[in-house]
Each structure stands twice: as structure tokens, then as C-alpha cells.
Amino acid sequence: MIRKRIRRKRTKLRKRIEGLHLIPAVLTIANLFFGFLAIKNVISEKFKIAALMIIISWILDILDGRIARITKSASHFGIQIDSLADAISFGIAPSLLIYYWALKNFYHIGWVFGFIYLMAGVLRLARFNITAVPGEEKKYFIGLPIPAAAVSIAGFVLYNNKVVEDKLILILLTIYILFISLLMISNLKYTSYEKLNFKITKNFWIFLVLAMFFGVFYFYSQISVLLIIVPYIFYAPFLLLRKKMLTLIKKREREVLDAQ
């Protein structure tokens, strides 16, 4: 009798674990679904809703990877389907969004910049796929992650969801698109979201910052996304520039000392 009870408990536990293994796949499909909704709303010229769909996809993308590692259900298939979903949610959807929201008014060549962003994003995902190991927790990413680039575009749209026609702003946007496209295919190191450890006892401040973020997002949603994502995008180039400047200063100091 005791053995039968133990077997039943083990069977129930296995079924629960198998159920948990499905969660990352469901979240990935949900990511894809909201990416599709983003494209649909771009076509309908509902740019603000499209931007929100991209941000929801971003949150789901973070969750599916983390849950896959917690449940030990990460696999090569999961990596591939996740990248395909990302290509749509953070590649096609943002490129169409930036084009219809702004770049279509840029001297009839705005589509070129939208394509450059999409191409860089797909290359970034392909490079990630050939180096990714199922279940491995990365300390940093090589190149700007495509979700961060996509969310920054969504952030600009949330800040001003009216169609952009001002030539100066259009020029600045094209420069920015080229900039983040280069960052995606660069070798700069970006801190991984996965480095965050969400244990309350050890990381109370993380929960406090997250609570503040959602509070700010609720009351100031038009600017809060940019306040979060833009510093993340620019900090890697800033660190590289700072490193080069310090190296140059030290080199000049040595030259001065040698001259004396």
C-alpha cells in the first residue's frame, strides 16, 4: 500500500513537471501572437497599440527564457522557435512600425532604413543561435539584443504616436536606426537580463526598482520606456569610449614621462 502511494505521488509529480515544461513554449507562442498583433495594428495605423504589443512581447520573451532554465526544459528546438518568434516580434513588427510611423515620409527611401534594421536584427539572432547552449545562463550578450532595439522604437512611438513629418526629426530617426543596427551586429558586450536574481532576501532593491518602474510606467507611460531602455542601449558604447579615452590619456602620460 505504501509503495503504491509513493508511486502515485511520483506519477503526479512527473505530470506536474511535464506541465511546467510546456510553460516556456506557451510564452514563446504568446510572444509570437503579440508580435502578429503589433503588425496588424501597424497596418491599421494604430501605432500606440502596436508599440504596446511589442513591449508585451518583450516581457514574455524575458519570462520564457528564465522559466525554461528554472524548469530545465531549455532545448535546441526552444532556442530556434524563440528566435523565429523574436524575428517577427522584434524584427518585422518594429521595422514596419518605424516605417509607417515615420520613415515613409523620408524622401521615398525610408524603407531602406527599415530593411537595414530588420537585416541587422536577423543577423544578430543568427549569431546568437550558433553560440547558444540550451540551459546556459549568459552573463552578457555580444551585440545589442534585438528586443532592446525593438522596445526603444516602441518607446519613441509611445512618446509621440502621431505620424512624424518633420524633416529634422526624420533625419535623427534614420541616424538612430543606423546606430542601433550597427550595435546589434557589433562585438560590444551588453549585460544579460538573466544576471538578475529575483530572490527577495538577497535582492530587495531589485524589487523596489521594479515596483518604481511599474509605478512610473503607469503614470508616465509615454516616457518611462525610453528612460529604462535608452540608457541600456548607450551604456556599452559609453564604456568602450571611456576605455579608449583612458588608454589614450595613459599613453600620453607615458610619452610625457619618457620625454622628461
C-alpha atoms as a PDB file:
ATOM      1  CA  MET A   1       0.000   0.000   0.000  1.00  0.00           C
ATOM      2  CA  ILE A   2       2.765   2.412   0.938  1.00  0.00           C
ATOM      3  CA  ARG A   3       4.656   1.649  -2.272  1.00  0.00           C
ATOM      4  CA  LYS A   4       1.524   2.288  -4.348  1.00  0.00           C
ATOM      5  CA  ARG A   5       1.013   5.651  -2.661  1.00  0.00           C
ATOM      6  CA  ILE A   6       4.636   6.601  -3.318  1.00  0.00           C
ATOM      7  CA  ARG A   7       4.246   5.600  -6.990  1.00  0.00           C
ATOM      8  CA  ARG A   8       1.052   7.650  -7.315  1.00  0.00           C
ATOM      9  CA  LYS A   9       2.758  10.678  -5.776  1.00  0.00           C
ATOM     10  CA  ARG A  10       5.723  10.281  -8.138  1.00  0.00           C
ATOM     11  CA  THR A  11       3.385   9.981 -11.123  1.00  0.00           C
ATOM     12  CA  LYS A  12       1.505  13.134 -10.100  1.00  0.00           C
ATOM     13  CA  LEU A  13       4.800  14.969  -9.576  1.00  0.00           C
ATOM     14  CA  ARG A  14       6.045  13.920 -13.035  1.00  0.00           C
ATOM     15  CA  LYS A  15       2.817  15.139 -14.641  1.00  0.00           C
ATOM     16  CA  ARG A  16       3.168  18.492 -12.870  1.00  0.00           C
ATOM     17  CA  ILE A  17       6.786  18.814 -14.017  1.00  0.00           C
ATOM     18  CA  GLU A  18       5.769  17.928 -17.595  1.00  0.00           C
ATOM     19  CA  GLY A  19       3.094  20.613 -17.376  1.00  0.00           C
ATOM     20  CA  LEU A  20       5.680  23.157 -16.236  1.00  0.00           C
ATOM     21  CA  HIS A  21       7.851  22.247 -19.246  1.00  0.00           C
ATOM     22  CA  LEU A  22       5.065  23.494 -21.519  1.00  0.00           C
ATOM     23  CA  ILE A  23       5.060  26.990 -19.971  1.00  0.00           C
ATOM     24  CA  PRO A  24       8.125  28.342 -21.894  1.00  0.00           C
ATOM     25  CA  ALA A  25       6.652  27.111 -25.202  1.00  0.00           C
ATOM     26  CA  VAL A  26       3.298  28.742 -24.403  1.00  0.00           C
ATOM     27  CA  LEU A  27       5.051  32.010 -23.545  1.00  0.00           C
ATOM     28  CA  THR A  28       7.032  31.871 -26.816  1.00  0.00           C
ATOM     29  CA  ILE A  29       3.833  31.362 -28.816  1.00  0.00           C
ATOM     30  CA  ALA A  30       2.267  34.241 -26.865  1.00  0.00           C
ATOM     31  CA  ASN A  31       5.296  36.364 -27.797  1.00  0.00           C
ATOM     32  CA  LEU A  32       4.687  35.470 -31.452  1.00  0.00           C
ATOM     33  CA  PHE A  33       0.966  36.214 -31.089  1.00  0.00           C
ATOM     34  CA  PHE A  34       1.551  39.722 -29.746  1.00  0.00           C
ATOM     35  CA  GLY A  35       4.149  40.319 -32.457  1.00  0.00           C
ATOM     36  CA  PHE A  36       1.467  39.424 -35.019  1.00  0.00           C
ATOM     37  CA  LEU A  37      -0.974  41.789 -33.270  1.00  0.00           C
ATOM     38  CA  ALA A  38       1.656  44.528 -33.455  1.00  0.00           C
ATOM     39  CA  ILE A  39       1.915  44.093 -37.243  1.00  0.00           C
ATOM     40  CA  LYS A  40      -1.869  44.051 -37.539  1.00  0.00           C
ATOM     41  CA  ASN A  41      -2.163  47.326 -35.640  1.00  0.00           C
ATOM     42  CA  VAL A  42       0.623  48.935 -37.690  1.00  0.00           C
ATOM     43  CA  ILE A  43      -1.340  48.157 -40.844  1.00  0.00           C
ATOM     44  CA  SER A  44      -4.418  49.698 -39.193  1.00  0.00           C
ATOM     45  CA  GLU A  45      -2.291  52.741 -38.263  1.00  0.00           C
ATOM     46  CA  LYS A  46      -2.909  52.165 -34.546  1.00  0.00           C
ATOM     47  CA  PHE A  47       0.710  52.873 -33.711  1.00  0.00           C
ATOM     48  CA  LYS A  48       0.390  53.226 -29.951  1.00  0.00           C
ATOM     49  CA  ILE A  49      -1.329  49.851 -29.614  1.00  0.00           C
ATOM     50  CA  ALA A  50       1.310  48.287 -31.879  1.00  0.00           C
ATOM     51  CA  ALA A  51       4.064  49.703 -29.642  1.00  0.00           C
ATOM     52  CA  LEU A  52       2.363  48.258 -26.549  1.00  0.00           C
ATOM     53  CA  MET A  53       2.127  44.840 -28.245  1.00  0.00           C
ATOM     54  CA  ILE A  54       5.894  44.898 -28.841  1.00  0.00           C
ATOM     55  CA  ILE A  55       6.536  45.731 -25.186  1.00  0.00           C
ATOM     56  CA  ILE A  56       4.283  42.853 -24.069  1.00  0.00           C
ATOM     57  CA  SER A  57       6.242  40.538 -26.402  1.00  0.00           C
ATOM     58  CA  TRP A  58       9.450  41.767 -24.748  1.00  0.00           C
ATOM     59  CA  ILE A  59       8.166  40.888 -21.262  1.00  0.00           C
ATOM     60  CA  LEU A  60       7.059  37.433 -22.469  1.00  0.00           C
ATOM     61  CA  ASP A  61      10.467  36.887 -24.102  1.00  0.00           C
ATOM     62  CA  ILE A  62      12.232  37.574 -20.802  1.00  0.00           C
ATOM     63  CA  LEU A  63       9.890  35.255 -18.911  1.00  0.00           C
ATOM     64  CA  ASP A  64      10.066  32.292 -21.293  1.00  0.00           C
ATOM     65  CA  GLY A  65      13.865  32.077 -21.162  1.00  0.00           C
ATOM     66  CA  ARG A  66      14.002  32.335 -17.394  1.00  0.00           C
ATOM     67  CA  ILE A  67      11.224  29.788 -16.812  1.00  0.00           C
ATOM     68  CA  ALA A  68      12.857  27.392 -19.292  1.00  0.00           C
ATOM     69  CA  ARG A  69      16.019  27.437 -17.157  1.00  0.00           C
ATOM     70  CA  ILE A  70      14.102  27.100 -13.875  1.00  0.00           C
ATOM     71  CA  THR A  71      12.137  24.085 -15.161  1.00  0.00           C
ATOM     72  CA  LYS A  72      15.227  22.726 -17.002  1.00  0.00           C
ATOM     73  CA  SER A  73      13.227  22.490 -20.205  1.00  0.00           C
ATOM     74  CA  ALA A  74      15.584  24.505 -22.441  1.00  0.00           C
ATOM     75  CA  SER A  75      16.361  22.804 -25.760  1.00  0.00           C
ATOM     76  CA  HIS A  76      17.761  23.477 -29.234  1.00  0.00           C
ATOM     77  CA  PHE A  77      14.208  23.420 -30.576  1.00  0.00           C
ATOM     78  CA  GLY A  78      13.203  26.011 -27.967  1.00  0.00           C
ATOM     79  CA  ILE A  79      16.099  28.268 -28.996  1.00  0.00           C
ATOM     80  CA  GLN A  80      15.120  28.052 -32.669  1.00  0.00           C
ATOM     81  CA  ILE A  81      11.392  28.710 -32.155  1.00  0.00           C
ATOM     82  CA  ASP A  82      12.205  31.553 -29.756  1.00  0.00           C
ATOM     83  CA  SER A  83      14.446  33.192 -32.361  1.00  0.00           C
ATOM     84  CA  LEU A  84      11.810  32.818 -35.069  1.00  0.00           C
ATOM     85  CA  ALA A  85       9.258  34.469 -32.780  1.00  0.00           C
ATOM     86  CA  ASP A  86      11.773  37.226 -31.984  1.00  0.00           C
ATOM     87  CA  ALA A  87      12.405  37.814 -35.690  1.00  0.00           C
ATOM     88  CA  ILE A  88       8.717  38.630 -36.090  1.00  0.00           C
ATOM     89  CA  SER A  89       8.018  40.443 -32.796  1.00  0.00           C
ATOM     90  CA  PHE A  90      11.286  42.405 -32.626  1.00  0.00           C
ATOM     91  CA  GLY A  91      12.356  42.392 -36.276  1.00  0.00           C
ATOM     92  CA  ILE A  92       9.450  42.672 -38.702  1.00  0.00           C
ATOM     93  CA  ALA A  93       6.986  44.399 -36.339  1.00  0.00           C
ATOM     94  CA  PRO A  94       9.326  47.279 -35.270  1.00  0.00           C
ATOM     95  CA  SER A  95      10.687  47.770 -38.803  1.00  0.00           C
ATOM     96  CA  LEU A  96       7.130  48.164 -40.145  1.00  0.00           C
ATOM     97  CA  LEU A  97       6.212  50.345 -37.173  1.00  0.00           C
ATOM     98  CA  ILE A  98       9.120  52.767 -37.677  1.00  0.00           C
ATOM     99  CA  TYR A  99       8.447  52.844 -41.428  1.00  0.00           C
ATOM    100  CA  TYR A 100       4.704  53.590 -41.317  1.00  0.00           C
ATOM    101  CA  TRP A 101       5.029  55.887 -38.292  1.00  0.00           C
ATOM    102  CA  ALA A 102       7.886  57.975 -39.669  1.00  0.00           C
ATOM    103  CA  LEU A 103      10.269  56.739 -42.363  1.00  0.00           C
ATOM    104  CA  LYS A 104       7.734  56.555 -45.195  1.00  0.00           C
ATOM    105  CA  ASN A 105       7.936  60.366 -45.273  1.00  0.00           C
ATOM    106  CA  PHE A 106      11.743  60.373 -45.639  1.00  0.00           C
ATOM    107  CA  TYR A 107      12.455  61.205 -49.303  1.00  0.00           C
ATOM    108  CA  HIS A 108      11.000  57.918 -50.625  1.00  0.00           C
ATOM    109  CA  ILE A 109      13.983  55.947 -49.250  1.00  0.00           C
ATOM    110  CA  GLY A 110      12.773  55.418 -45.683  1.00  0.00           C
ATOM    111  CA  TRP A 111      12.066  51.758 -46.424  1.00  0.00           C
ATOM    112  CA  VAL A 112      15.828  51.221 -46.865  1.00  0.00           C
ATOM    113  CA  PHE A 113      16.467  52.097 -43.208  1.00  0.00           C
ATOM    114  CA  GLY A 114      13.592  49.890 -42.076  1.00  0.00           C
ATOM    115  CA  PHE A 115      15.151  46.998 -44.011  1.00  0.00           C
ATOM    116  CA  ILE A 116      18.629  47.715 -42.602  1.00  0.00           C
ATOM    117  CA  TYR A 117      17.196  47.404 -39.086  1.00  0.00           C
ATOM    118  CA  LEU A 118      15.457  44.131 -39.980  1.00  0.00           C
ATOM    119  CA  MET A 119      18.597  42.713 -41.631  1.00  0.00           C
ATOM    120  CA  ALA A 120      20.794  43.605 -38.645  1.00  0.00           C
ATOM    121  CA  GLY A 121      18.259  42.095 -36.250  1.00  0.00           C
ATOM    122  CA  VAL A 122      18.082  38.801 -38.154  1.00  0.00           C
ATOM    123  CA  LEU A 123      21.893  38.622 -38.313  1.00  0.00           C
ATOM    124  CA  ARG A 124      22.011  39.266 -34.582  1.00  0.00           C
ATOM    125  CA  LEU A 125      19.582  36.401 -33.935  1.00  0.00           C
ATOM    126  CA  ALA A 126      21.508  34.063 -36.266  1.00  0.00           C
ATOM    127  CA  ARG A 127      24.771  34.793 -34.448  1.00  0.00           C
ATOM    128  CA  PHE A 128      23.068  34.142 -31.114  1.00  0.00           C
ATOM    129  CA  ASN A 129      21.670  30.806 -32.346  1.00  0.00           C
ATOM    130  CA  ILE A 130      25.042  29.355 -33.368  1.00  0.00           C
ATOM    131  CA  THR A 131      26.596  30.208 -29.994  1.00  0.00           C
ATOM    132  CA  ALA A 132      23.637  29.462 -27.701  1.00  0.00           C
ATOM    133  CA  VAL A 133      23.735  26.413 -25.439  1.00  0.00           C
ATOM    134  CA  PRO A 134      20.373  25.151 -24.066  1.00  0.00           C
ATOM    135  CA  GLY A 135      20.041  25.981 -20.368  1.00  0.00           C
ATOM    136  CA  GLU A 136      23.196  28.106 -20.254  1.00  0.00           C
ATOM    137  CA  GLU A 137      22.855  31.322 -18.272  1.00  0.00           C
ATOM    138  CA  LYS A 138      24.772  34.070 -20.066  1.00  0.00           C
ATOM    139  CA  LYS A 139      26.446  36.883 -18.140  1.00  0.00           C
ATOM    140  CA  TYR A 140      26.399  39.137 -21.173  1.00  0.00           C
ATOM    141  CA  PHE A 141      25.277  39.326 -24.801  1.00  0.00           C
ATOM    142  CA  ILE A 142      27.542  40.055 -27.759  1.00  0.00           C
ATOM    143  CA  GLY A 143      25.895  42.939 -29.577  1.00  0.00           C
ATOM    144  CA  LEU A 144      22.751  44.828 -28.635  1.00  0.00           C
ATOM    145  CA  PRO A 145      19.880  42.335 -28.088  1.00  0.00           C
ATOM    146  CA  ILE A 146      17.183  42.789 -30.721  1.00  0.00           C
ATOM    147  CA  PRO A 147      14.374  43.039 -28.092  1.00  0.00           C
ATOM    148  CA  ALA A 148      16.068  46.114 -26.590  1.00  0.00           C
ATOM    149  CA  ALA A 149      16.352  47.740 -30.020  1.00  0.00           C
ATOM    150  CA  ALA A 150      12.682  46.973 -30.745  1.00  0.00           C
ATOM    151  CA  VAL A 151      11.484  48.307 -27.388  1.00  0.00           C
ATOM    152  CA  SER A 152      13.371  51.565 -27.945  1.00  0.00           C
ATOM    153  CA  ILE A 153      11.452  52.060 -31.215  1.00  0.00           C
ATOM    154  CA  ALA A 154       8.215  51.254 -29.393  1.00  0.00           C
ATOM    155  CA  GLY A 155       9.220  53.773 -26.723  1.00  0.00           C
ATOM    156  CA  PHE A 156       9.574  56.570 -29.276  1.00  0.00           C
ATOM    157  CA  VAL A 157       6.136  55.751 -30.671  1.00  0.00           C
ATOM    158  CA  LEU A 158       4.592  55.751 -27.197  1.00  0.00           C
ATOM    159  CA  TYR A 159       6.167  59.145 -26.548  1.00  0.00           C
ATOM    160  CA  ASN A 160       4.580  60.549 -29.703  1.00  0.00           C
ATOM    161  CA  ASN A 161       2.214  58.306 -31.642  1.00  0.00           C
ATOM    162  CA  LYS A 162       1.408  60.891 -34.308  1.00  0.00           C
ATOM    163  CA  VAL A 163       2.889  60.363 -37.775  1.00  0.00           C
ATOM    164  CA  VAL A 164       6.285  62.088 -37.998  1.00  0.00           C
ATOM    165  CA  GLU A 165       6.677  64.571 -40.846  1.00  0.00           C
ATOM    166  CA  ASP A 166       9.299  66.992 -39.515  1.00  0.00           C
ATOM    167  CA  LYS A 167      12.439  66.561 -41.660  1.00  0.00           C
ATOM    168  CA  LEU A 168      14.914  67.163 -38.823  1.00  0.00           C
ATOM    169  CA  ILE A 169      13.267  64.514 -36.631  1.00  0.00           C
ATOM    170  CA  LEU A 170      13.209  62.116 -39.578  1.00  0.00           C
ATOM    171  CA  ILE A 171      16.944  62.617 -40.128  1.00  0.00           C
ATOM    172  CA  LEU A 172      17.620  61.998 -36.424  1.00  0.00           C
ATOM    173  CA  LEU A 173      15.485  58.856 -36.503  1.00  0.00           C
ATOM    174  CA  THR A 174      17.340  57.456 -39.527  1.00  0.00           C
ATOM    175  CA  ILE A 175      20.660  58.098 -37.753  1.00  0.00           C
ATOM    176  CA  TYR A 176      19.324  56.336 -34.661  1.00  0.00           C
ATOM    177  CA  ILE A 177      18.123  53.342 -36.704  1.00  0.00           C
ATOM    178  CA  LEU A 178      21.561  53.020 -38.305  1.00  0.00           C
ATOM    179  CA  PHE A 179      23.164  53.363 -34.868  1.00  0.00           C
ATOM    180  CA  ILE A 180      21.167  50.568 -33.195  1.00  0.00           C
ATOM    181  CA  SER A 181      21.543  48.397 -36.305  1.00  0.00           C
ATOM    182  CA  LEU A 182      25.329  48.680 -36.007  1.00  0.00           C
ATOM    183  CA  LEU A 183      25.144  47.951 -32.283  1.00  0.00           C
ATOM    184  CA  MET A 184      23.192  44.744 -32.939  1.00  0.00           C
ATOM    185  CA  ILE A 185      25.910  43.343 -35.206  1.00  0.00           C
ATOM    186  CA  SER A 186      28.792  44.766 -33.146  1.00  0.00           C
ATOM    187  CA  ASN A 187      31.008  42.894 -30.668  1.00  0.00           C
ATOM    188  CA  LEU A 188      30.104  45.149 -27.744  1.00  0.00           C
ATOM    189  CA  LYS A 189      29.146  43.369 -24.537  1.00  0.00           C
ATOM    190  CA  TYR A 190      25.716  44.020 -23.054  1.00  0.00           C
ATOM    191  CA  THR A 191      24.736  42.794 -19.603  1.00  0.00           C
ATOM    192  CA  SER A 192      22.239  39.946 -19.805  1.00  0.00           C
ATOM    193  CA  TYR A 193      18.796  40.306 -18.223  1.00  0.00           C
ATOM    194  CA  GLU A 194      19.442  36.796 -16.922  1.00  0.00           C
ATOM    195  CA  LYS A 195      22.041  38.058 -14.457  1.00  0.00           C
ATOM    196  CA  LEU A 196      19.220  39.436 -12.311  1.00  0.00           C
ATOM    197  CA  ASN A 197      18.474  37.090  -9.443  1.00  0.00           C
ATOM    198  CA  PHE A 198      14.974  37.644  -8.137  1.00  0.00           C
ATOM    199  CA  LYS A 199      15.378  36.321  -4.602  1.00  0.00           C
ATOM    200  CA  ILE A 200      13.673  38.710  -2.222  1.00  0.00           C
ATOM    201  CA  THR A 201      16.111  38.185   0.628  1.00  0.00           C
ATOM    202  CA  LYS A 202      19.168  38.979  -1.460  1.00  0.00           C
ATOM    203  CA  ASN A 203      17.793  41.475  -3.945  1.00  0.00           C
ATOM    204  CA  PHE A 204      15.257  43.647  -2.196  1.00  0.00           C
ATOM    205  CA  TRP A 205      16.489  46.645  -4.180  1.00  0.00           C
ATOM    206  CA  ILE A 206      15.692  44.922  -7.480  1.00  0.00           C
ATOM    207  CA  PHE A 207      12.070  44.515  -6.419  1.00  0.00           C
ATOM    208  CA  LEU A 208      11.993  48.111  -5.249  1.00  0.00           C
ATOM    209  CA  VAL A 209      13.337  49.355  -8.598  1.00  0.00           C
ATOM    210  CA  LEU A 210      10.841  47.163 -10.493  1.00  0.00           C
ATOM    211  CA  ALA A 211       7.987  48.476  -8.363  1.00  0.00           C
ATOM    212  CA  MET A 212       9.105  52.044  -9.076  1.00  0.00           C
ATOM    213  CA  PHE A 213       9.367  51.232 -12.784  1.00  0.00           C
ATOM    214  CA  PHE A 214       5.806  49.923 -12.982  1.00  0.00           C
ATOM    215  CA  GLY A 215       4.615  52.913 -10.955  1.00  0.00           C
ATOM    216  CA  VAL A 216       6.337  55.338 -13.317  1.00  0.00           C
ATOM    217  CA  PHE A 217       5.097  53.365 -16.321  1.00  0.00           C
ATOM    218  CA  TYR A 218       1.522  53.594 -15.070  1.00  0.00           C
ATOM    219  CA  PHE A 219       1.594  57.356 -14.543  1.00  0.00           C
ATOM    220  CA  TYR A 220       4.126  58.369 -17.220  1.00  0.00           C
ATOM    221  CA  SER A 221       3.939  55.572 -19.797  1.00  0.00           C
ATOM    222  CA  GLN A 222       4.839  57.922 -22.655  1.00  0.00           C
ATOM    223  CA  ILE A 223       8.401  58.469 -21.410  1.00  0.00           C
ATOM    224  CA  SER A 224       9.094  55.634 -18.935  1.00  0.00           C
ATOM    225  CA  VAL A 225      10.040  53.028 -21.557  1.00  0.00           C
ATOM    226  CA  LEU A 226      12.675  55.332 -23.040  1.00  0.00           C
ATOM    227  CA  LEU A 227      14.042  56.140 -19.577  1.00  0.00           C
ATOM    228  CA  ILE A 228      14.582  52.424 -18.986  1.00  0.00           C
ATOM    229  CA  ILE A 229      15.824  51.186 -22.361  1.00  0.00           C
ATOM    230  CA  VAL A 230      17.858  54.084 -23.823  1.00  0.00           C
ATOM    231  CA  PRO A 231      20.493  54.088 -21.017  1.00  0.00           C
ATOM    232  CA  TYR A 232      20.862  50.314 -21.518  1.00  0.00           C
ATOM    233  CA  ILE A 233      21.479  50.834 -25.244  1.00  0.00           C
ATOM    234  CA  PHE A 234      24.029  53.593 -24.779  1.00  0.00           C
ATOM    235  CA  TYR A 235      25.995  52.269 -21.811  1.00  0.00           C
ATOM    236  CA  ALA A 236      28.091  49.748 -23.822  1.00  0.00           C
ATOM    237  CA  PRO A 237      29.274  52.368 -26.387  1.00  0.00           C
ATOM    238  CA  PHE A 238      29.910  54.728 -23.464  1.00  0.00           C
ATOM    239  CA  LEU A 239      32.098  52.143 -21.698  1.00  0.00           C
ATOM    240  CA  LEU A 240      34.041  51.499 -24.926  1.00  0.00           C
ATOM    241  CA  LEU A 241      34.594  55.231 -25.467  1.00  0.00           C
ATOM    242  CA  ARG A 242      35.623  55.676 -21.840  1.00  0.00           C
ATOM    243  CA  LYS A 243      38.099  52.786 -22.090  1.00  0.00           C
ATOM    244  CA  LYS A 244      39.674  54.225 -25.241  1.00  0.00           C
ATOM    245  CA  MET A 245      39.935  57.688 -23.709  1.00  0.00           C
ATOM    246  CA  LEU A 246      41.630  56.319 -20.577  1.00  0.00           C
ATOM    247  CA  THR A 247      44.047  54.308 -22.735  1.00  0.00           C
ATOM    248  CA  LEU A 248      44.848  57.433 -24.759  1.00  0.00           C
ATOM    249  CA  ILE A 249      45.406  59.513 -21.603  1.00  0.00           C
ATOM    250  CA  LYS A 250      47.745  56.885 -20.130  1.00  0.00           C
ATOM    251  CA  LYS A 251      49.659  56.691 -23.412  1.00  0.00           C
ATOM    252  CA  ARG A 252      50.161  60.460 -23.462  1.00  0.00           C
ATOM    253  CA  GLU A 253      51.249  60.459 -19.831  1.00  0.00           C
ATOM    254  CA  ARG A 254      53.886  57.837 -20.628  1.00  0.00           C
ATOM    255  CA  GLU A 255      55.100  59.876 -23.592  1.00  0.00           C
ATOM    256  CA  VAL A 256      55.444  62.948 -21.358  1.00  0.00           C
ATOM    257  CA  LEU A 257      57.368  60.956 -18.727  1.00  0.00           C
ATOM    258  CA  ASP A 258      59.653  59.452 -21.390  1.00  0.00           C
ATOM    259  CA  ALA A 259      60.294  62.937 -22.839  1.00  0.00           C
ATOM    260  CA  GLN A 260      61.402  64.168 -19.414  1.00  0.00           C
END
